Amino acid sequence: MVDGIAVIDHDLCILCGACVEACHFDAIEFEKPSTAVTHDDATGGVWVFCEAVGEKIHEVSYELIGEGRKLADGKGVKVTAVVIGQNVAGHAKALIEHGADCVRVVDNDECKYFQDDVYARVLANLIQREKPEIVLAGATLMGRAFFPRVAAELGTGLTADCTALAIDNEGHLVQTRPAFGGNIMANIMCPSRRPQMSTVGPRVMRPMEKDASRKGEIIREELSPELLESRVVVEESIEEEGGAGNVGIADIVVSGGGGLGRKENF
């Protein structure tokens, strides 16, 4: 209080908006800046973030391109694959063969190691510029780490771990996922903000059959240096060797409890 008048300390204010709701006299107006794209402005089609793991593209990326192809064909738009990393331009042809119409390649030494702040900033920048209507990513360790940051940056919604995607009669993306511990299946939509964003786990969707005759556009993105700046410095990345393997992408998983007694009883 200053001379009996309430004053906001801008050094302490975190812009939560709680004061607006608490004020009974409607004396405070507060509007958060938004970078969200409106429904009518989204004209960039369906985008799929394609995860580069070492020298390969994660299988979930091909699965999502296949699903994105169905969604795009239903709306009469294109499918764009986005791949970020170092020496990833060579993946573009395979992404087109699996259903992409266009591949946007961010091939930069600064993207050699995955850093969620950099990847989020780069993808959000591309989305703000090109305005896709739908953006999909895999519900993998990488996707879970940075995709929510992209949605927050864009001021739009994100539905995680979807099991089905469809377009309704009004052109909205219907995102189906388990809720309440899997007891019900919830249909979620984002009617007013764009892009509509979803993550899907591996082996949920089916990839398209590879077609070597498919043609598409490859765009090499040149980014401003500030987009690639990070507060984190990765000195070294060590790949895990051996182990039990990734059960998330296994065709068959055999499990057993203590009642088996020993591994020979499998």
C-alpha atoms as a PDB file:
ATOM      1  CA  MET A   1       0.000   0.000   0.000  1.00  0.00           C
ATOM      2  CA  VAL A   2       1.219   3.530  -0.834  1.00  0.00           C
ATOM      3  CA  ASP A   3      -0.800   6.344   0.744  1.00  0.00           C
ATOM      4  CA  GLY A   4      -3.731   3.967   1.127  1.00  0.00           C
ATOM      5  CA  ILE A   5      -3.621   2.888  -2.531  1.00  0.00           C
ATOM      6  CA  ALA A   6      -2.825  -0.670  -3.581  1.00  0.00           C
ATOM      7  CA  VAL A   7       0.237  -0.771  -5.825  1.00  0.00           C
ATOM      8  CA  ILE A   8       1.624  -3.744  -7.736  1.00  0.00           C
ATOM      9  CA  ASP A   9       5.292  -4.489  -7.103  1.00  0.00           C
ATOM     10  CA  HIS A  10       6.433  -5.459 -10.593  1.00  0.00           C
ATOM     11  CA  ASP A  11       9.619  -7.006  -9.214  1.00  0.00           C
ATOM     12  CA  LEU A  12       7.568  -9.555  -7.266  1.00  0.00           C
ATOM     13  CA  CYS A  13       4.564  -9.995  -9.569  1.00  0.00           C
ATOM     14  CA  ILE A  14       4.570 -13.354 -11.390  1.00  0.00           C
ATOM     15  CA  LEU A  15       1.599 -12.444 -13.660  1.00  0.00           C
ATOM     16  CA  CYS A  16      -0.598 -15.205 -12.244  1.00  0.00           C
ATOM     17  CA  GLY A  17      -3.757 -13.076 -12.426  1.00  0.00           C
ATOM     18  CA  ALA A  18      -4.947 -13.980  -8.918  1.00  0.00           C
ATOM     19  CA  CYS A  19      -5.402 -10.301  -8.016  1.00  0.00           C
ATOM     20  CA  VAL A  20      -7.927  -9.864 -10.833  1.00  0.00           C
ATOM     21  CA  GLU A  21     -10.164 -12.596  -9.418  1.00  0.00           C
ATOM     22  CA  ALA A  22      -9.715 -11.357  -5.835  1.00  0.00           C
ATOM     23  CA  CYS A  23     -10.686  -7.748  -6.611  1.00  0.00           C
ATOM     24  CA  HIS A  24     -14.426  -7.239  -5.919  1.00  0.00           C
ATOM     25  CA  PHE A  25     -14.491  -3.850  -7.653  1.00  0.00           C
ATOM     26  CA  ASP A  26     -13.193  -4.991 -11.075  1.00  0.00           C
ATOM     27  CA  ALA A  27     -10.507  -2.352 -10.738  1.00  0.00           C
ATOM     28  CA  ILE A  28      -7.736  -4.451 -12.252  1.00  0.00           C
ATOM     29  CA  GLU A  29      -7.439  -5.380 -15.890  1.00  0.00           C
ATOM     30  CA  PHE A  30      -4.917  -8.010 -16.839  1.00  0.00           C
ATOM     31  CA  GLU A  31      -4.320  -9.516 -20.255  1.00  0.00           C
ATOM     32  CA  LYS A  32      -1.623 -12.098 -20.882  1.00  0.00           C
ATOM     33  CA  PRO A  33       0.105 -11.781 -24.250  1.00  0.00           C
ATOM     34  CA  SER A  34      -0.698 -14.727 -26.478  1.00  0.00           C
ATOM     35  CA  THR A  35       1.097 -16.097 -29.515  1.00  0.00           C
ATOM     36  CA  ALA A  36      -1.733 -18.518 -30.271  1.00  0.00           C
ATOM     37  CA  VAL A  37      -2.868 -18.817 -33.846  1.00  0.00           C
ATOM     38  CA  THR A  38      -6.602 -18.463 -34.374  1.00  0.00           C
ATOM     39  CA  HIS A  39      -8.758 -21.011 -36.147  1.00  0.00           C
ATOM     40  CA  ASP A  40      -8.998 -19.068 -39.415  1.00  0.00           C
ATOM     41  CA  ASP A  41      -5.268 -18.298 -39.635  1.00  0.00           C
ATOM     42  CA  ALA A  42      -4.096 -21.927 -39.532  1.00  0.00           C
ATOM     43  CA  THR A  43      -3.388 -22.840 -43.145  1.00  0.00           C
ATOM     44  CA  GLY A  44      -0.196 -24.907 -42.913  1.00  0.00           C
ATOM     45  CA  GLY A  45      -1.769 -28.383 -42.944  1.00  0.00           C
ATOM     46  CA  VAL A  46      -0.663 -31.298 -40.750  1.00  0.00           C
ATOM     47  CA  TRP A  47       2.837 -31.382 -39.258  1.00  0.00           C
ATOM     48  CA  VAL A  48       4.669 -34.326 -37.702  1.00  0.00           C
ATOM     49  CA  PHE A  49       7.774 -33.888 -35.571  1.00  0.00           C
ATOM     50  CA  CYS A  50      10.088 -36.727 -36.595  1.00  0.00           C
ATOM     51  CA  GLU A  51      12.499 -37.837 -33.921  1.00  0.00           C
ATOM     52  CA  ALA A  52      16.034 -38.588 -35.077  1.00  0.00           C
ATOM     53  CA  VAL A  53      17.727 -41.149 -32.814  1.00  0.00           C
ATOM     54  CA  GLY A  54      21.370 -41.582 -33.752  1.00  0.00           C
ATOM     55  CA  GLU A  55      21.441 -42.393 -37.448  1.00  0.00           C
ATOM     56  CA  LYS A  56      17.794 -43.514 -37.570  1.00  0.00           C
ATOM     57  CA  ILE A  57      14.316 -42.039 -37.409  1.00  0.00           C
ATOM     58  CA  HIS A  58      12.247 -43.346 -34.498  1.00  0.00           C
ATOM     59  CA  GLU A  59       9.565 -45.743 -35.764  1.00  0.00           C
ATOM     60  CA  VAL A  60       6.809 -43.710 -34.106  1.00  0.00           C
ATOM     61  CA  SER A  61       7.582 -40.907 -36.571  1.00  0.00           C
ATOM     62  CA  TYR A  62       6.693 -43.094 -39.551  1.00  0.00           C
ATOM     63  CA  GLU A  63       3.560 -44.229 -37.723  1.00  0.00           C
ATOM     64  CA  LEU A  64       2.508 -40.624 -37.150  1.00  0.00           C
ATOM     65  CA  ILE A  65       3.184 -39.641 -40.754  1.00  0.00           C
ATOM     66  CA  GLY A  66       0.825 -42.452 -41.776  1.00  0.00           C
ATOM     67  CA  GLU A  67      -1.852 -41.184 -39.390  1.00  0.00           C
ATOM     68  CA  GLY A  68      -1.174 -37.598 -40.428  1.00  0.00           C
ATOM     69  CA  ARG A  69      -1.670 -38.657 -44.031  1.00  0.00           C
ATOM     70  CA  LYS A  70      -5.211 -39.852 -43.223  1.00  0.00           C
ATOM     71  CA  LEU A  71      -6.041 -36.620 -41.382  1.00  0.00           C
ATOM     72  CA  ALA A  72      -4.567 -34.457 -44.143  1.00  0.00           C
ATOM     73  CA  ASP A  73      -6.371 -36.313 -46.920  1.00  0.00           C
ATOM     74  CA  GLY A  74      -9.638 -35.820 -45.069  1.00  0.00           C
ATOM     75  CA  LYS A  75      -9.056 -32.058 -44.996  1.00  0.00           C
ATOM     76  CA  GLY A  76      -7.397 -31.745 -48.401  1.00  0.00           C
ATOM     77  CA  VAL A  77      -4.089 -30.417 -47.016  1.00  0.00           C
ATOM     78  CA  LYS A  78      -0.428 -31.466 -47.022  1.00  0.00           C
ATOM     79  CA  VAL A  79       1.638 -33.440 -44.515  1.00  0.00           C
ATOM     80  CA  THR A  80       4.897 -31.815 -43.436  1.00  0.00           C
ATOM     81  CA  ALA A  81       7.586 -33.704 -41.538  1.00  0.00           C
ATOM     82  CA  VAL A  82       9.972 -31.708 -39.331  1.00  0.00           C
ATOM     83  CA  VAL A  83      13.330 -33.182 -38.353  1.00  0.00           C
ATOM     84  CA  ILE A  84      15.861 -31.455 -36.091  1.00  0.00           C
ATOM     85  CA  GLY A  85      19.455 -32.488 -35.362  1.00  0.00           C
ATOM     86  CA  GLN A  86      22.923 -32.790 -36.805  1.00  0.00           C
ATOM     87  CA  ASN A  87      23.426 -34.569 -40.146  1.00  0.00           C
ATOM     88  CA  VAL A  88      19.724 -35.361 -40.416  1.00  0.00           C
ATOM     89  CA  ALA A  89      19.115 -34.132 -43.977  1.00  0.00           C
ATOM     90  CA  GLY A  90      19.619 -37.668 -45.263  1.00  0.00           C
ATOM     91  CA  HIS A  91      16.362 -38.753 -43.579  1.00  0.00           C
ATOM     92  CA  ALA A  92      14.209 -36.529 -45.780  1.00  0.00           C
ATOM     93  CA  LYS A  93      13.847 -39.019 -48.649  1.00  0.00           C
ATOM     94  CA  ALA A  94      12.654 -41.815 -46.330  1.00  0.00           C
ATOM     95  CA  LEU A  95      10.113 -39.496 -44.696  1.00  0.00           C
ATOM     96  CA  ILE A  96       8.669 -38.629 -48.099  1.00  0.00           C
ATOM     97  CA  GLU A  97       8.570 -42.307 -49.074  1.00  0.00           C
ATOM     98  CA  HIS A  98       6.516 -42.976 -45.930  1.00  0.00           C
ATOM     99  CA  GLY A  99       3.883 -40.333 -46.711  1.00  0.00           C
ATOM    100  CA  ALA A 100       5.207 -36.791 -46.166  1.00  0.00           C
ATOM    101  CA  ASP A 101       4.582 -34.166 -48.865  1.00  0.00           C
ATOM    102  CA  CYS A 102       7.205 -31.795 -47.486  1.00  0.00           C
ATOM    103  CA  VAL A 103      10.156 -32.171 -45.120  1.00  0.00           C
ATOM    104  CA  ARG A 104      11.521 -29.196 -43.176  1.00  0.00           C
ATOM    105  CA  VAL A 105      15.082 -29.957 -42.118  1.00  0.00           C
ATOM    106  CA  VAL A 106      16.860 -28.170 -39.275  1.00  0.00           C
ATOM    107  CA  ASP A 107      20.376 -29.541 -39.713  1.00  0.00           C
ATOM    108  CA  ASN A 108      22.702 -27.674 -37.389  1.00  0.00           C
ATOM    109  CA  ASP A 109      25.761 -28.497 -35.299  1.00  0.00           C
ATOM    110  CA  GLU A 110      24.097 -26.778 -32.330  1.00  0.00           C
ATOM    111  CA  CYS A 111      21.350 -29.422 -32.467  1.00  0.00           C
ATOM    112  CA  LYS A 112      23.718 -32.382 -32.249  1.00  0.00           C
ATOM    113  CA  TYR A 113      22.424 -33.279 -28.774  1.00  0.00           C
ATOM    114  CA  PHE A 114      18.781 -33.067 -27.800  1.00  0.00           C
ATOM    115  CA  GLN A 115      18.114 -30.054 -25.575  1.00  0.00           C
ATOM    116  CA  ASP A 116      14.471 -29.472 -24.793  1.00  0.00           C
ATOM    117  CA  ASP A 117      14.709 -25.672 -24.612  1.00  0.00           C
ATOM    118  CA  VAL A 118      16.396 -25.399 -28.024  1.00  0.00           C
ATOM    119  CA  TYR A 119      14.161 -27.937 -29.760  1.00  0.00           C
ATOM    120  CA  ALA A 120      11.043 -26.301 -28.304  1.00  0.00           C
ATOM    121  CA  ARG A 121      12.132 -22.833 -29.364  1.00  0.00           C
ATOM    122  CA  VAL A 122      13.025 -23.965 -32.886  1.00  0.00           C
ATOM    123  CA  LEU A 123       9.795 -25.894 -33.466  1.00  0.00           C
ATOM    124  CA  ALA A 124       7.637 -23.125 -31.969  1.00  0.00           C
ATOM    125  CA  ASN A 125       9.323 -20.595 -34.250  1.00  0.00           C
ATOM    126  CA  LEU A 126       8.596 -22.683 -37.333  1.00  0.00           C
ATOM    127  CA  ILE A 127       4.985 -23.203 -36.266  1.00  0.00           C
ATOM    128  CA  GLN A 128       4.444 -19.490 -35.618  1.00  0.00           C
ATOM    129  CA  ARG A 129       5.776 -18.710 -39.077  1.00  0.00           C
ATOM    130  CA  GLU A 130       4.017 -21.402 -41.127  1.00  0.00           C
ATOM    131  CA  LYS A 131       0.808 -21.813 -39.041  1.00  0.00           C
ATOM    132  CA  PRO A 132      -0.026 -25.530 -39.318  1.00  0.00           C
ATOM    133  CA  GLU A 133      -3.461 -26.600 -38.128  1.00  0.00           C
ATOM    134  CA  ILE A 134      -2.357 -29.885 -36.519  1.00  0.00           C
ATOM    135  CA  VAL A 135       1.018 -30.890 -35.039  1.00  0.00           C
ATOM    136  CA  LEU A 136       1.795 -34.446 -33.891  1.00  0.00           C
ATOM    137  CA  ALA A 137       4.749 -35.928 -32.009  1.00  0.00           C
ATOM    138  CA  GLY A 138       5.639 -39.265 -30.443  1.00  0.00           C
ATOM    139  CA  ALA A 139       4.972 -39.826 -26.745  1.00  0.00           C
ATOM    140  CA  THR A 140       8.613 -40.801 -26.254  1.00  0.00           C
ATOM    141  CA  LEU A 141      11.176 -39.527 -23.767  1.00  0.00           C
ATOM    142  CA  MET A 142      12.058 -36.767 -26.208  1.00  0.00           C
ATOM    143  CA  GLY A 143       8.485 -35.899 -27.082  1.00  0.00           C
ATOM    144  CA  ARG A 144       7.383 -35.778 -23.455  1.00  0.00           C
ATOM    145  CA  ALA A 145      10.361 -33.577 -22.586  1.00  0.00           C
ATOM    146  CA  PHE A 146       9.912 -30.752 -25.065  1.00  0.00           C
ATOM    147  CA  PHE A 147       6.495 -30.906 -26.773  1.00  0.00           C
ATOM    148  CA  PRO A 148       4.575 -29.416 -23.781  1.00  0.00           C
ATOM    149  CA  ARG A 149       7.001 -26.480 -23.882  1.00  0.00           C
ATOM    150  CA  VAL A 150       6.053 -25.901 -27.515  1.00  0.00           C
ATOM    151  CA  ALA A 151       2.343 -25.849 -26.649  1.00  0.00           C
ATOM    152  CA  ALA A 152       2.982 -23.433 -23.770  1.00  0.00           C
ATOM    153  CA  GLU A 153       5.032 -21.155 -26.017  1.00  0.00           C
ATOM    154  CA  LEU A 154       2.222 -21.096 -28.590  1.00  0.00           C
ATOM    155  CA  GLY A 155      -0.584 -20.680 -26.052  1.00  0.00           C
ATOM    156  CA  THR A 156      -2.511 -23.668 -27.352  1.00  0.00           C
ATOM    157  CA  GLY A 157      -3.677 -27.053 -26.052  1.00  0.00           C
ATOM    158  CA  LEU A 158      -1.928 -30.415 -26.041  1.00  0.00           C
ATOM    159  CA  THR A 159      -3.468 -33.853 -25.560  1.00  0.00           C
ATOM    160  CA  ALA A 160      -0.929 -36.502 -24.515  1.00  0.00           C
ATOM    161  CA  ASP A 161      -0.886 -40.261 -25.131  1.00  0.00           C
ATOM    162  CA  CYS A 162      -3.721 -40.350 -27.657  1.00  0.00           C
ATOM    163  CA  THR A 163      -4.955 -43.706 -28.891  1.00  0.00           C
ATOM    164  CA  ALA A 164      -7.076 -42.405 -31.793  1.00  0.00           C
ATOM    165  CA  LEU A 165      -7.279 -39.252 -33.930  1.00  0.00           C
ATOM    166  CA  ALA A 166     -10.093 -38.185 -36.245  1.00  0.00           C
ATOM    167  CA  ILE A 167     -11.602 -35.119 -37.926  1.00  0.00           C
ATOM    168  CA  ASP A 168     -15.186 -34.201 -36.987  1.00  0.00           C
ATOM    169  CA  ASN A 169     -17.840 -32.635 -39.227  1.00  0.00           C
ATOM    170  CA  GLU A 170     -16.642 -29.126 -38.361  1.00  0.00           C
ATOM    171  CA  GLY A 171     -13.027 -29.896 -39.208  1.00  0.00           C
ATOM    172  CA  HIS A 172     -11.773 -30.109 -35.607  1.00  0.00           C
ATOM    173  CA  LEU A 173      -9.279 -32.739 -34.507  1.00  0.00           C
ATOM    174  CA  VAL A 174     -10.922 -35.236 -32.140  1.00  0.00           C
ATOM    175  CA  GLN A 175      -8.216 -36.583 -29.834  1.00  0.00           C
ATOM    176  CA  THR A 176      -9.108 -39.761 -27.963  1.00  0.00           C
ATOM    177  CA  ARG A 177      -7.186 -40.886 -24.905  1.00  0.00           C
ATOM    178  CA  PRO A 178      -7.775 -42.967 -21.744  1.00  0.00           C
ATOM    179  CA  ALA A 179      -8.896 -41.059 -18.657  1.00  0.00           C
ATOM    180  CA  PHE A 180      -9.633 -41.838 -14.998  1.00  0.00           C
ATOM    181  CA  GLY A 181      -7.131 -44.662 -14.878  1.00  0.00           C
ATOM    182  CA  GLY A 182      -8.261 -46.066 -18.209  1.00  0.00           C
ATOM    183  CA  ASN A 183     -11.867 -46.534 -17.086  1.00  0.00           C
ATOM    184  CA  ILE A 184     -13.225 -44.247 -19.794  1.00  0.00           C
ATOM    185  CA  MET A 185     -12.072 -42.964 -23.178  1.00  0.00           C
ATOM    186  CA  ALA A 186     -12.215 -39.176 -23.404  1.00  0.00           C
ATOM    187  CA  ASN A 187     -12.638 -37.257 -26.665  1.00  0.00           C
ATOM    188  CA  ILE A 188     -10.765 -33.963 -26.392  1.00  0.00           C
ATOM    189  CA  MET A 189     -10.870 -31.027 -28.798  1.00  0.00           C
ATOM    190  CA  CYS A 190      -9.180 -27.640 -29.053  1.00  0.00           C
ATOM    191  CA  PRO A 191     -11.806 -25.638 -30.989  1.00  0.00           C
ATOM    192  CA  SER A 192     -10.490 -22.070 -30.778  1.00  0.00           C
ATOM    193  CA  ARG A 193      -6.680 -22.248 -30.732  1.00  0.00           C
ATOM    194  CA  ARG A 194      -4.224 -23.532 -33.286  1.00  0.00           C
ATOM    195  CA  PRO A 195      -2.316 -25.662 -33.792  1.00  0.00           C
ATOM    196  CA  GLN A 196      -4.145 -28.647 -32.333  1.00  0.00           C
ATOM    197  CA  MET A 197      -1.357 -30.676 -30.742  1.00  0.00           C
ATOM    198  CA  SER A 198      -1.223 -34.367 -29.795  1.00  0.00           C
ATOM    199  CA  THR A 199       1.301 -36.976 -28.777  1.00  0.00           C
ATOM    200  CA  VAL A 200       0.859 -40.652 -29.599  1.00  0.00           C
ATOM    201  CA  GLY A 201       2.815 -43.573 -28.182  1.00  0.00           C
ATOM    202  CA  PRO A 202       4.818 -46.035 -30.294  1.00  0.00           C
ATOM    203  CA  ARG A 203       2.943 -48.964 -31.853  1.00  0.00           C
ATOM    204  CA  VAL A 204      -0.437 -47.245 -31.521  1.00  0.00           C
ATOM    205  CA  MET A 205      -0.763 -46.233 -35.184  1.00  0.00           C
ATOM    206  CA  ARG A 206       0.211 -48.091 -38.350  1.00  0.00           C
ATOM    207  CA  PRO A 207       2.821 -46.659 -40.729  1.00  0.00           C
ATOM    208  CA  MET A 208       2.136 -46.424 -44.452  1.00  0.00           C
ATOM    209  CA  GLU A 209       3.817 -48.850 -46.777  1.00  0.00           C
ATOM    210  CA  LYS A 210       7.046 -47.387 -48.110  1.00  0.00           C
ATOM    211  CA  ASP A 211       6.630 -46.017 -51.637  1.00  0.00           C
ATOM    212  CA  ALA A 212       9.945 -45.200 -53.307  1.00  0.00           C
ATOM    213  CA  SER A 213       8.137 -43.448 -56.174  1.00  0.00           C
ATOM    214  CA  ARG A 214       6.707 -40.684 -53.967  1.00  0.00           C
ATOM    215  CA  LYS A 215       8.015 -37.177 -54.580  1.00  0.00           C
ATOM    216  CA  GLY A 216       8.080 -34.294 -52.152  1.00  0.00           C
ATOM    217  CA  GLU A 217       9.636 -30.965 -51.248  1.00  0.00           C
ATOM    218  CA  ILE A 218      12.686 -30.675 -48.991  1.00  0.00           C
ATOM    219  CA  ILE A 219      13.271 -27.331 -47.259  1.00  0.00           C
ATOM    220  CA  ARG A 220      16.514 -26.599 -45.413  1.00  0.00           C
ATOM    221  CA  GLU A 221      15.718 -24.163 -42.618  1.00  0.00           C
ATOM    222  CA  GLU A 222      18.199 -21.406 -41.773  1.00  0.00           C
ATOM    223  CA  LEU A 223      17.655 -20.222 -38.211  1.00  0.00           C
ATOM    224  CA  SER A 224      18.791 -17.142 -36.350  1.00  0.00           C
ATOM    225  CA  PRO A 225      21.558 -17.912 -33.810  1.00  0.00           C
ATOM    226  CA  GLU A 226      19.506 -16.810 -30.783  1.00  0.00           C
ATOM    227  CA  LEU A 227      17.054 -19.652 -31.348  1.00  0.00           C
ATOM    228  CA  LEU A 228      19.878 -22.133 -30.794  1.00  0.00           C
ATOM    229  CA  GLU A 229      21.152 -20.670 -27.530  1.00  0.00           C
ATOM    230  CA  SER A 230      20.752 -22.766 -24.381  1.00  0.00           C
ATOM    231  CA  ARG A 231      21.525 -22.380 -20.692  1.00  0.00           C
ATOM    232  CA  VAL A 232      22.677 -26.006 -20.716  1.00  0.00           C
ATOM    233  CA  VAL A 233      25.994 -27.190 -22.113  1.00  0.00           C
ATOM    234  CA  VAL A 234      26.148 -30.879 -23.080  1.00  0.00           C
ATOM    235  CA  GLU A 235      29.734 -32.056 -22.788  1.00  0.00           C
ATOM    236  CA  GLU A 236      29.156 -35.649 -23.849  1.00  0.00           C
ATOM    237  CA  SER A 237      26.357 -38.076 -24.677  1.00  0.00           C
ATOM    238  CA  ILE A 238      26.885 -41.768 -23.925  1.00  0.00           C
ATOM    239  CA  GLU A 239      24.578 -44.274 -25.558  1.00  0.00           C
ATOM    240  CA  GLU A 240      23.365 -47.158 -23.425  1.00  0.00           C
ATOM    241  CA  GLU A 241      24.726 -50.511 -24.512  1.00  0.00           C
ATOM    242  CA  GLY A 242      23.189 -53.909 -23.932  1.00  0.00           C
ATOM    243  CA  GLY A 243      20.490 -54.120 -21.273  1.00  0.00           C
ATOM    244  CA  ALA A 244      17.059 -55.633 -21.529  1.00  0.00           C
ATOM    245  CA  GLY A 245      16.019 -53.615 -24.580  1.00  0.00           C
ATOM    246  CA  ASN A 246      13.149 -51.194 -25.060  1.00  0.00           C
ATOM    247  CA  VAL A 247       9.877 -52.971 -24.235  1.00  0.00           C
ATOM    248  CA  GLY A 248       7.978 -49.956 -25.573  1.00  0.00           C
ATOM    249  CA  ILE A 249       8.756 -50.924 -29.157  1.00  0.00           C
ATOM    250  CA  ALA A 250       8.936 -54.714 -28.776  1.00  0.00           C
ATOM    251  CA  ASP A 251       6.590 -56.870 -30.873  1.00  0.00           C
ATOM    252  CA  ILE A 252       6.090 -59.373 -28.041  1.00  0.00           C
ATOM    253  CA  VAL A 253       6.637 -58.922 -24.291  1.00  0.00           C
ATOM    254  CA  VAL A 254       6.733 -61.974 -22.002  1.00  0.00           C
ATOM    255  CA  SER A 255       6.529 -61.240 -18.278  1.00  0.00           C
ATOM    256  CA  GLY A 256       6.279 -63.303 -15.117  1.00  0.00           C
ATOM    257  CA  GLY A 257       6.200 -62.884 -11.360  1.00  0.00           C
ATOM    258  CA  GLY A 258       7.955 -64.445  -8.391  1.00  0.00           C
ATOM    259  CA  GLY A 259       5.802 -67.575  -8.636  1.00  0.00           C
ATOM    260  CA  LEU A 260       7.915 -68.772 -11.566  1.00  0.00           C
ATOM    261  CA  GLY A 261      10.765 -69.357  -9.141  1.00  0.00           C
ATOM    262  CA  ARG A 262      13.580 -69.207 -11.688  1.00  0.00           C
ATOM    263  CA  LYS A 263      14.132 -68.042 -15.255  1.00  0.00           C
ATOM    264  CA  GLU A 264      14.211 -71.610 -16.631  1.00  0.00           C
ATOM    265  CA  ASN A 265      10.470 -71.918 -15.850  1.00  0.00           C
ATOM    266  CA  PHE A 266       9.607 -69.370 -18.524  1.00  0.00           C
END
